[in-house]
Every structure is written in C-alpha cells, then in structure tokens.
Amino acid sequence: MAKLEKYLTNNGRLSKGSPQAGVLVPLFRRDNKSFLLLTQRSSDLRKHSGQISFPGGKLENIDDSIIDTALRETYEEIGIPPQQVSIIGKFNDFSTPYYRCVTPVLAVIEPQDEYQIQEAEIDHVIEVPLEDLLDPTIHHTEQWEFEGNYYTIHFYSWAGNGAQYEIWGATAGVIAQLLQILQP
C-alpha cells in the first residue's frame, strides 16, 4: 500500500469539479494475499442493475465530504463501519452517464468474515485477489462512442468463487488505473 500512498501524494489528481458521487475502492489482505472488494448490484435496480461495482453512491446533504459519502454508502450497502476503514486517498475522478463527477476513494479495510448486505441494492460481495486481475488474458479494451466522443472501456472477465464475472466500464477503468500503479 506504500506504493499507492506515494503515488497519491506525488501525482496531481484529475478532478472533474464538484463531486456528485463517491465510491470506496476497498483493499485488504488475507492469508498473505491482497484482495479488492467489489459488489454485484441487485438485478432489481433501475440503474446499473446486475453490474459489478464498488460500494458507493450519491453525495447527500448529510455528508461533509466525498470521503464521508463513500464511507456512508459502504456501511449502508455492505455493513463495513467507517472505523474499520483506513483512507489512503482519492483517485482520479471519472464521469458516467448518470454523474458528471464520481470520486474513487482508495482505502484499506479489515478483512470481513461476513457482510451485512442491503439486499435492495446489493446481491452479493465479491473478493477478488489482485494477482488474478494482473492476468493479461482476462483483460481487454474497446472503443465506445457516446454523444460524439470516443472512450476506452476496460473489461475484466474473472472466474472465481464458482462464478464468472464481467467487470467493465468505470469500475474496470478504476481497476486498470490501480493495477498500473501497483505492477512491479
């Protein structure tokens, strides 16, 4: 995690303005392996149903900062209390069709034995070993056009826990940036 802290301290962060939403990018260690925590959103949701994402959501009036948003949403969605989260820093902002400015907040969490999932929003939690995501055979990019602009979209096709997961879009873009920093 020292490599991430150094990167976040020494590099200018891309800010797209006032954050409208925040996501927590939770990392943890278990059995001498590093993991990234993701969620699979409920298939009943209107937006991003069934997609793989980081815990997070919309900035609310009760939040003092975008970090508070990411912490609050993580607690609401999967039950990890803020006192079990150590913030590393903020990554580059990104845009989605729903939010002009989403801020990823990198953090280290304590490993969990189980999660208190808010079933209206989250189907389940996915713990992905970082070393699996470094396998180049599970990653590819595509060029997509949206409103006259072209974007590089990342995709990770990961098999784990007896299931196949398609991680793409903004979540995969954050993962690609994270892995680029962490690779030796």
C-alpha atoms as a PDB file:
ATOM      1  CA  MET A   1       0.000   0.000   0.000  1.00  0.00           C
ATOM      2  CA  ALA A   2       3.027   2.270   0.378  1.00  0.00           C
ATOM      3  CA  LYS A   3       3.301   2.416  -3.417  1.00  0.00           C
ATOM      4  CA  LEU A   4      -0.280   3.690  -3.646  1.00  0.00           C
ATOM      5  CA  GLU A   5       0.244   6.274  -0.906  1.00  0.00           C
ATOM      6  CA  LYS A   6       3.372   7.550  -2.647  1.00  0.00           C
ATOM      7  CA  TYR A   7       1.553   7.784  -5.985  1.00  0.00           C
ATOM      8  CA  LEU A   8      -1.401   9.655  -4.500  1.00  0.00           C
ATOM      9  CA  THR A   9       0.902  12.058  -2.648  1.00  0.00           C
ATOM     10  CA  ASN A  10       3.220  12.833  -5.571  1.00  0.00           C
ATOM     11  CA  ASN A  11       0.850  12.915  -8.548  1.00  0.00           C
ATOM     12  CA  GLY A  12      -1.731  15.503  -9.438  1.00  0.00           C
ATOM     13  CA  ARG A  13      -5.197  14.030  -9.280  1.00  0.00           C
ATOM     14  CA  LEU A  14      -7.621  14.542 -12.164  1.00  0.00           C
ATOM     15  CA  SER A  15     -10.562  16.456 -10.739  1.00  0.00           C
ATOM     16  CA  LYS A  16     -13.708  16.896 -12.812  1.00  0.00           C
ATOM     17  CA  GLY A  17     -15.131  19.547 -10.474  1.00  0.00           C
ATOM     18  CA  SER A  18     -17.534  19.207  -7.588  1.00  0.00           C
ATOM     19  CA  PRO A  19     -18.078  15.519  -6.816  1.00  0.00           C
ATOM     20  CA  GLN A  20     -21.615  14.243  -7.229  1.00  0.00           C
ATOM     21  CA  ALA A  21     -20.919  10.679  -6.129  1.00  0.00           C
ATOM     22  CA  GLY A  22     -18.214   8.728  -4.346  1.00  0.00           C
ATOM     23  CA  VAL A  23     -17.163   5.095  -4.363  1.00  0.00           C
ATOM     24  CA  LEU A  24     -14.900   3.245  -1.962  1.00  0.00           C
ATOM     25  CA  VAL A  25     -12.136   1.163  -3.542  1.00  0.00           C
ATOM     26  CA  PRO A  26     -11.529  -1.274  -0.656  1.00  0.00           C
ATOM     27  CA  LEU A  27      -8.324  -3.279  -0.478  1.00  0.00           C
ATOM     28  CA  PHE A  28      -7.487  -5.842   2.179  1.00  0.00           C
ATOM     29  CA  ARG A  29      -5.069  -8.666   2.981  1.00  0.00           C
ATOM     30  CA  ARG A  30      -5.982 -12.199   3.956  1.00  0.00           C
ATOM     31  CA  ASP A  31      -3.672 -15.232   4.082  1.00  0.00           C
ATOM     32  CA  ASN A  32      -0.745 -13.153   2.728  1.00  0.00           C
ATOM     33  CA  LYS A  33      -2.719 -12.163  -0.402  1.00  0.00           C
ATOM     34  CA  SER A  34      -4.084  -8.755  -1.413  1.00  0.00           C
ATOM     35  CA  PHE A  35      -7.745  -8.518  -2.399  1.00  0.00           C
ATOM     36  CA  LEU A  36     -10.045  -5.953  -3.964  1.00  0.00           C
ATOM     37  CA  LEU A  37     -13.630  -5.871  -2.732  1.00  0.00           C
ATOM     38  CA  LEU A  38     -16.434  -5.403  -5.260  1.00  0.00           C
ATOM     39  CA  THR A  39     -20.197  -5.754  -5.157  1.00  0.00           C
ATOM     40  CA  GLN A  40     -22.723  -7.125  -7.598  1.00  0.00           C
ATOM     41  CA  ARG A  41     -25.656  -4.761  -7.720  1.00  0.00           C
ATOM     42  CA  SER A  42     -29.183  -6.091  -7.399  1.00  0.00           C
ATOM     43  CA  SER A  43     -30.870  -7.071 -10.653  1.00  0.00           C
ATOM     44  CA  ASP A  44     -33.979  -5.193  -9.428  1.00  0.00           C
ATOM     45  CA  LEU A  45     -32.338  -1.742  -9.582  1.00  0.00           C
ATOM     46  CA  ARG A  46     -33.249   0.793 -12.291  1.00  0.00           C
ATOM     47  CA  LYS A  47     -29.634   1.950 -12.791  1.00  0.00           C
ATOM     48  CA  HIS A  48     -26.655  -0.390 -13.254  1.00  0.00           C
ATOM     49  CA  SER A  49     -28.722  -3.459 -12.326  1.00  0.00           C
ATOM     50  CA  GLY A  50     -26.646  -6.622 -12.009  1.00  0.00           C
ATOM     51  CA  GLN A  51     -23.382  -4.808 -12.685  1.00  0.00           C
ATOM     52  CA  ILE A  52     -20.171  -5.252 -10.746  1.00  0.00           C
ATOM     53  CA  SER A  53     -19.258  -2.074  -8.874  1.00  0.00           C
ATOM     54  CA  PHE A  54     -17.509  -0.565  -5.910  1.00  0.00           C
ATOM     55  CA  PRO A  55     -19.666   0.322  -2.913  1.00  0.00           C
ATOM     56  CA  GLY A  56     -20.760   3.931  -3.135  1.00  0.00           C
ATOM     57  CA  GLY A  57     -23.344   6.384  -4.305  1.00  0.00           C
ATOM     58  CA  LYS A  58     -24.663   9.899  -4.496  1.00  0.00           C
ATOM     59  CA  LEU A  59     -23.352  12.769  -2.365  1.00  0.00           C
ATOM     60  CA  GLU A  60     -26.047  13.691   0.173  1.00  0.00           C
ATOM     61  CA  ASN A  61     -26.558  16.835   2.288  1.00  0.00           C
ATOM     62  CA  ILE A  62     -25.597  14.880   5.418  1.00  0.00           C
ATOM     63  CA  ASP A  63     -22.095  14.188   4.016  1.00  0.00           C
ATOM     64  CA  ASP A  64     -19.308  16.605   4.998  1.00  0.00           C
ATOM     65  CA  SER A  65     -17.087  15.362   2.148  1.00  0.00           C
ATOM     66  CA  ILE A  66     -16.966  12.870  -0.698  1.00  0.00           C
ATOM     67  CA  ILE A  67     -14.977  10.577   1.608  1.00  0.00           C
ATOM     68  CA  ASP A  68     -17.932  10.663   4.017  1.00  0.00           C
ATOM     69  CA  THR A  69     -20.189   9.710   1.094  1.00  0.00           C
ATOM     70  CA  ALA A  70     -18.053   6.677   0.217  1.00  0.00           C
ATOM     71  CA  LEU A  71     -17.872   5.585   3.865  1.00  0.00           C
ATOM     72  CA  ARG A  72     -21.617   6.076   4.473  1.00  0.00           C
ATOM     73  CA  GLU A  73     -22.610   4.220   1.320  1.00  0.00           C
ATOM     74  CA  THR A  74     -20.210   1.347   2.087  1.00  0.00           C
ATOM     75  CA  TYR A  75     -21.719   0.968   5.544  1.00  0.00           C
ATOM     76  CA  GLU A  76     -25.283   1.143   4.176  1.00  0.00           C
ATOM     77  CA  GLU A  77     -24.646  -1.317   1.334  1.00  0.00           C
ATOM     78  CA  ILE A  78     -22.407  -3.962   2.914  1.00  0.00           C
ATOM     79  CA  GLY A  79     -22.139  -3.132   6.629  1.00  0.00           C
ATOM     80  CA  ILE A  80     -18.465  -2.163   6.950  1.00  0.00           C
ATOM     81  CA  PRO A  81     -18.310   0.561   9.621  1.00  0.00           C
ATOM     82  CA  PRO A  82     -16.133   3.640   8.970  1.00  0.00           C
ATOM     83  CA  GLN A  83     -13.869   2.810  11.927  1.00  0.00           C
ATOM     84  CA  GLN A  84     -12.757  -0.337  10.056  1.00  0.00           C
ATOM     85  CA  VAL A  85     -11.653   1.717   7.033  1.00  0.00           C
ATOM     86  CA  SER A  86      -8.269   3.451   6.626  1.00  0.00           C
ATOM     87  CA  ILE A  87      -8.360   6.011   3.822  1.00  0.00           C
ATOM     88  CA  ILE A  88      -5.327   6.077   1.516  1.00  0.00           C
ATOM     89  CA  GLY A  89      -6.527   8.932  -0.703  1.00  0.00           C
ATOM     90  CA  LYS A  90      -8.614   9.941  -3.701  1.00  0.00           C
ATOM     91  CA  PHE A  91      -8.036   8.626  -7.216  1.00  0.00           C
ATOM     92  CA  ASN A  92      -8.783  10.411 -10.492  1.00  0.00           C
ATOM     93  CA  ASP A  93     -12.410  11.454 -10.882  1.00  0.00           C
ATOM     94  CA  PHE A  94     -14.430   9.854 -13.667  1.00  0.00           C
ATOM     95  CA  SER A  95     -17.761  10.513 -15.361  1.00  0.00           C
ATOM     96  CA  THR A  96     -20.696   8.238 -16.023  1.00  0.00           C
ATOM     97  CA  PRO A  97     -23.897   8.817 -17.975  1.00  0.00           C
ATOM     98  CA  TYR A  98     -25.588   9.440 -14.592  1.00  0.00           C
ATOM     99  CA  TYR A  99     -22.942  11.538 -12.771  1.00  0.00           C
ATOM    100  CA  ARG A 100     -20.588  14.124 -14.222  1.00  0.00           C
ATOM    101  CA  CYS A 101     -18.086  13.644 -11.383  1.00  0.00           C
ATOM    102  CA  VAL A 102     -17.516  10.441  -9.394  1.00  0.00           C
ATOM    103  CA  THR A 103     -14.587  10.294  -6.970  1.00  0.00           C
ATOM    104  CA  PRO A 104     -13.000   6.927  -6.141  1.00  0.00           C
ATOM    105  CA  VAL A 105     -11.648   6.804  -2.584  1.00  0.00           C
ATOM    106  CA  LEU A 106      -8.924   4.229  -2.059  1.00  0.00           C
ATOM    107  CA  ALA A 107      -8.897   2.551   1.326  1.00  0.00           C
ATOM    108  CA  VAL A 108      -7.623  -0.403   3.291  1.00  0.00           C
ATOM    109  CA  ILE A 109     -10.271  -2.330   5.189  1.00  0.00           C
ATOM    110  CA  GLU A 110     -10.130  -5.064   7.781  1.00  0.00           C
ATOM    111  CA  PRO A 111     -10.948  -8.488   6.307  1.00  0.00           C
ATOM    112  CA  GLN A 112     -14.552  -9.441   6.979  1.00  0.00           C
ATOM    113  CA  ASP A 113     -15.895 -12.878   7.847  1.00  0.00           C
ATOM    114  CA  GLU A 114     -19.321 -11.858   6.582  1.00  0.00           C
ATOM    115  CA  TYR A 115     -21.079  -8.778   5.249  1.00  0.00           C
ATOM    116  CA  GLN A 116     -24.394  -7.193   6.213  1.00  0.00           C
ATOM    117  CA  ILE A 117     -25.747  -6.801   2.713  1.00  0.00           C
ATOM    118  CA  GLN A 118     -28.564  -4.385   1.936  1.00  0.00           C
ATOM    119  CA  GLU A 119     -30.434  -6.742  -0.373  1.00  0.00           C
ATOM    120  CA  ALA A 120     -32.447  -3.968  -2.059  1.00  0.00           C
ATOM    121  CA  GLU A 121     -29.187  -2.679  -3.592  1.00  0.00           C
ATOM    122  CA  ILE A 122     -26.610  -5.476  -3.473  1.00  0.00           C
ATOM    123  CA  ASP A 123     -26.871  -9.143  -4.492  1.00  0.00           C
ATOM    124  CA  HIS A 124     -23.503 -10.144  -3.071  1.00  0.00           C
ATOM    125  CA  VAL A 125     -19.918  -9.138  -2.273  1.00  0.00           C
ATOM    126  CA  ILE A 126     -17.027 -10.314  -4.435  1.00  0.00           C
ATOM    127  CA  GLU A 127     -13.487 -10.615  -3.055  1.00  0.00           C
ATOM    128  CA  VAL A 128     -11.054 -10.651  -5.989  1.00  0.00           C
ATOM    129  CA  PRO A 129      -7.357 -11.470  -5.488  1.00  0.00           C
ATOM    130  CA  LEU A 130      -5.324  -8.641  -7.040  1.00  0.00           C
ATOM    131  CA  GLU A 131      -2.944 -11.156  -8.609  1.00  0.00           C
ATOM    132  CA  ASP A 132      -5.873 -12.611 -10.605  1.00  0.00           C
ATOM    133  CA  LEU A 133      -6.596  -9.177 -12.077  1.00  0.00           C
ATOM    134  CA  LEU A 134      -2.976  -8.884 -13.242  1.00  0.00           C
ATOM    135  CA  ASP A 135      -3.512 -11.799 -15.652  1.00  0.00           C
ATOM    136  CA  PRO A 136      -3.484 -10.147 -19.110  1.00  0.00           C
ATOM    137  CA  THR A 137      -5.695 -12.884 -20.588  1.00  0.00           C
ATOM    138  CA  ILE A 138      -8.744 -11.684 -18.604  1.00  0.00           C
ATOM    139  CA  HIS A 139      -8.412  -8.001 -19.639  1.00  0.00           C
ATOM    140  CA  HIS A 140      -9.276  -6.220 -22.867  1.00  0.00           C
ATOM    141  CA  THR A 141     -10.360  -2.760 -24.001  1.00  0.00           C
ATOM    142  CA  GLU A 142     -12.855  -1.500 -26.557  1.00  0.00           C
ATOM    143  CA  GLN A 143     -13.509   1.935 -28.061  1.00  0.00           C
ATOM    144  CA  TRP A 144     -17.079   3.085 -27.444  1.00  0.00           C
ATOM    145  CA  GLU A 145     -18.803   6.188 -28.784  1.00  0.00           C
ATOM    146  CA  PHE A 146     -21.084   8.229 -26.520  1.00  0.00           C
ATOM    147  CA  GLU A 147     -22.578  11.577 -27.515  1.00  0.00           C
ATOM    148  CA  GLY A 148     -19.979  12.096 -30.247  1.00  0.00           C
ATOM    149  CA  ASN A 149     -16.949  11.265 -28.068  1.00  0.00           C
ATOM    150  CA  TYR A 150     -14.927   8.052 -28.074  1.00  0.00           C
ATOM    151  CA  TYR A 151     -13.886   6.375 -24.834  1.00  0.00           C
ATOM    152  CA  THR A 152     -11.615   3.455 -23.997  1.00  0.00           C
ATOM    153  CA  ILE A 153     -13.693   0.973 -21.999  1.00  0.00           C
ATOM    154  CA  HIS A 154     -11.909  -1.676 -19.919  1.00  0.00           C
ATOM    155  CA  PHE A 155     -13.231  -5.206 -19.383  1.00  0.00           C
ATOM    156  CA  TYR A 156     -12.129  -7.940 -16.957  1.00  0.00           C
ATOM    157  CA  SER A 157     -13.625 -11.415 -17.319  1.00  0.00           C
ATOM    158  CA  TRP A 158     -12.852 -13.031 -13.951  1.00  0.00           C
ATOM    159  CA  ALA A 159     -13.788 -16.517 -12.824  1.00  0.00           C
ATOM    160  CA  GLY A 160     -13.846 -17.016  -9.087  1.00  0.00           C
ATOM    161  CA  ASN A 161     -15.948 -18.343  -6.243  1.00  0.00           C
ATOM    162  CA  GLY A 162     -17.629 -20.749  -8.663  1.00  0.00           C
ATOM    163  CA  ALA A 163     -18.949 -17.986 -10.939  1.00  0.00           C
ATOM    164  CA  GLN A 164     -17.954 -15.922 -13.967  1.00  0.00           C
ATOM    165  CA  TYR A 165     -17.956 -12.130 -13.523  1.00  0.00           C
ATOM    166  CA  GLU A 166     -17.835  -9.467 -16.224  1.00  0.00           C
ATOM    167  CA  ILE A 167     -16.324  -6.316 -14.746  1.00  0.00           C
ATOM    168  CA  TRP A 168     -16.478  -3.372 -17.136  1.00  0.00           C
ATOM    169  CA  GLY A 169     -17.000   0.360 -17.513  1.00  0.00           C
ATOM    170  CA  ALA A 170     -15.994   2.823 -14.824  1.00  0.00           C
ATOM    171  CA  THR A 171     -15.294   0.072 -12.271  1.00  0.00           C
ATOM    172  CA  ALA A 172     -12.910  -1.691 -14.657  1.00  0.00           C
ATOM    173  CA  GLY A 173     -11.315   1.661 -15.552  1.00  0.00           C
ATOM    174  CA  VAL A 174     -10.504   2.317 -11.892  1.00  0.00           C
ATOM    175  CA  ILE A 175      -9.129  -1.220 -11.568  1.00  0.00           C
ATOM    176  CA  ALA A 176      -6.905  -0.724 -14.635  1.00  0.00           C
ATOM    177  CA  GLN A 177      -5.509   2.508 -13.176  1.00  0.00           C
ATOM    178  CA  LEU A 178      -4.942   0.840  -9.802  1.00  0.00           C
ATOM    179  CA  LEU A 179      -3.116  -2.134 -11.357  1.00  0.00           C
ATOM    180  CA  GLN A 180      -0.951   0.143 -13.483  1.00  0.00           C
ATOM    181  CA  ILE A 181       0.346   1.771 -10.300  1.00  0.00           C
ATOM    182  CA  LEU A 182       0.767  -1.484  -8.366  1.00  0.00           C
ATOM    183  CA  GLN A 183       2.522  -3.502 -11.086  1.00  0.00           C
ATOM    184  CA  PRO A 184       6.230  -4.009 -10.458  1.00  0.00           C
END
